[in-house]
Protein backbone atom coordinates (compact mmCIF):
# COMPACT_ATOMS: atom_id res chain seq x y z
CA UNK A 1 43.50 88.34 -57.39
CA UNK A 2 43.55 87.08 -53.72
CA UNK A 3 39.65 87.72 -53.68
CA UNK A 4 39.04 85.80 -56.79
CA UNK A 5 41.08 82.79 -55.38
CA UNK A 6 39.19 82.79 -52.37
CA UNK A 7 35.75 82.94 -53.81
CA UNK A 8 37.10 79.94 -56.17
CA UNK A 9 38.03 77.81 -53.21
CA UNK A 10 34.87 78.48 -51.64
CA UNK A 11 32.84 77.75 -54.55
CA UNK A 12 34.68 74.25 -54.98
CA UNK A 13 34.07 73.52 -51.28
CA UNK A 14 30.52 74.18 -51.68
CA UNK A 15 30.01 72.08 -54.62
CA UNK A 16 32.12 69.28 -52.80
CA UNK A 17 29.67 69.43 -49.71
CA UNK A 18 26.75 69.63 -51.93
CA UNK A 19 27.85 66.65 -53.86
CA UNK A 20 28.49 64.63 -50.92
CA UNK A 21 25.00 65.39 -49.43
CA UNK A 22 23.32 64.23 -52.58
CA UNK A 23 25.19 61.10 -52.60
CA UNK A 24 24.11 60.35 -49.02
CA UNK A 25 20.62 61.12 -49.63
CA UNK A 26 20.66 58.66 -52.68
CA UNK A 27 22.19 55.93 -50.38
CA UNK A 28 19.58 56.64 -47.76
CA UNK A 29 16.65 56.54 -50.12
CA UNK A 30 18.15 53.48 -51.75
CA UNK A 31 18.37 51.57 -48.56
CA UNK A 32 15.04 52.78 -47.55
CA UNK A 33 13.23 51.53 -50.95
CA UNK A 34 15.29 48.12 -50.70
CA UNK A 35 14.01 47.42 -46.89
CA UNK A 36 10.34 48.27 -48.22
CA UNK A 37 10.82 46.08 -51.09
CA UNK A 38 12.00 43.28 -48.89
CA UNK A 39 9.39 43.69 -46.35
CA UNK A 40 6.60 43.50 -49.05
CA UNK A 41 8.00 40.45 -50.56
CA UNK A 42 8.30 38.67 -47.20
CA UNK A 43 4.78 39.74 -46.51
CA UNK A 44 3.50 38.43 -49.90
CA UNK A 45 5.50 35.25 -49.44
CA UNK A 46 3.80 34.66 -46.05
CA UNK A 47 0.14 35.41 -47.39
CA UNK A 48 0.90 32.79 -50.24
CA UNK A 49 1.96 30.07 -47.53
CA UNK A 50 -1.12 30.99 -45.68
CA UNK A 51 -3.42 30.64 -48.53
CA UNK A 52 -1.98 27.71 -49.64
CA UNK A 53 -2.36 26.10 -46.16
CA UNK A 54 -5.97 27.24 -45.85
CA UNK A 55 -6.71 26.01 -49.28
CA UNK A 56 -5.24 22.79 -48.55
CA UNK A 57 -7.31 22.37 -45.31
CA UNK A 58 -10.55 23.05 -47.20
CA UNK A 59 -9.65 20.71 -50.08
CA UNK A 60 -8.77 17.96 -47.71
CA UNK A 61 -11.96 18.60 -45.59
CA UNK A 62 -13.93 18.38 -48.68
CA UNK A 63 -12.22 15.23 -50.06
CA UNK A 64 -10.73 16.61 -53.06
CA UNK A 65 -7.19 16.48 -51.49
CA UNK A 66 -5.48 13.08 -51.37
CA UNK A 67 -3.26 13.85 -48.44
CA UNK A 68 -2.00 16.49 -46.16
CA UNK A 69 1.89 17.03 -45.43
CA UNK A 70 1.63 16.47 -41.64
CA UNK A 71 -1.73 15.72 -39.59
CA UNK A 72 -4.81 17.57 -39.91
CA UNK A 73 -4.42 19.28 -36.50
CA UNK A 74 -1.01 20.46 -37.26
CA UNK A 75 -2.08 21.98 -40.60
CA UNK A 76 -5.03 23.68 -38.51
CA UNK A 77 -2.19 25.16 -35.97
CA UNK A 78 -0.43 26.47 -39.12
CA UNK A 79 -3.20 28.13 -40.50
CA UNK A 80 -4.62 29.43 -37.34
CA UNK A 81 -1.03 30.94 -36.62
CA UNK A 82 -0.85 32.40 -40.12
CA UNK A 83 -4.13 34.22 -39.75
CA UNK A 84 -3.12 35.50 -36.44
CA UNK A 85 -0.09 36.93 -37.94
CA UNK A 86 -1.86 38.37 -40.87
CA UNK A 87 -1.67 42.04 -41.08
CA UNK A 88 -4.30 41.99 -44.07
CA UNK A 89 -7.66 42.49 -42.40
CA UNK A 90 -9.45 41.38 -45.62
CA UNK A 91 -7.60 38.18 -46.09
CA UNK A 92 -7.84 37.42 -42.57
CA UNK A 93 -11.75 37.60 -42.95
CA UNK A 94 -11.94 35.92 -46.06
CA UNK A 95 -9.93 33.04 -45.06
CA UNK A 96 -11.87 32.64 -41.90
CA UNK A 97 -15.15 32.60 -43.71
CA UNK A 98 -13.77 30.01 -46.23
CA UNK A 99 -12.64 27.82 -43.10
CA UNK A 100 -15.82 28.22 -41.37
CA UNK A 101 -17.94 27.46 -44.69
CA UNK A 102 -15.90 24.22 -45.05
CA UNK A 103 -16.51 23.19 -41.49
CA UNK A 104 -13.31 23.57 -40.02
CA UNK A 105 -13.09 25.26 -36.73
CA UNK A 106 -9.73 26.73 -35.68
CA UNK A 107 -10.41 27.36 -32.16
CA UNK A 108 -9.92 23.94 -31.03
């Protein structure tokens, strides 16, 4: 009976250690998922803000926007900073082409 008790204790230890490892892995995976989701959400929010700034500049330049929040040059600075900070190359290229087509030069 002594051997049977030792194997029972060893099995219980293995189960406890394995369940602890499983729980730790779940916590790690959830934290990583949440961090990635938060980063994606922030990136989407920034892209939306940049798109709005670019569209507002184009509309104002074309005369279809009544007014700007701030000066035209301030909005150009915001749009330029957004485009410089954009990691999405396709968005960056499309926004620059749209601004160029509207006659807005961000290099000033």
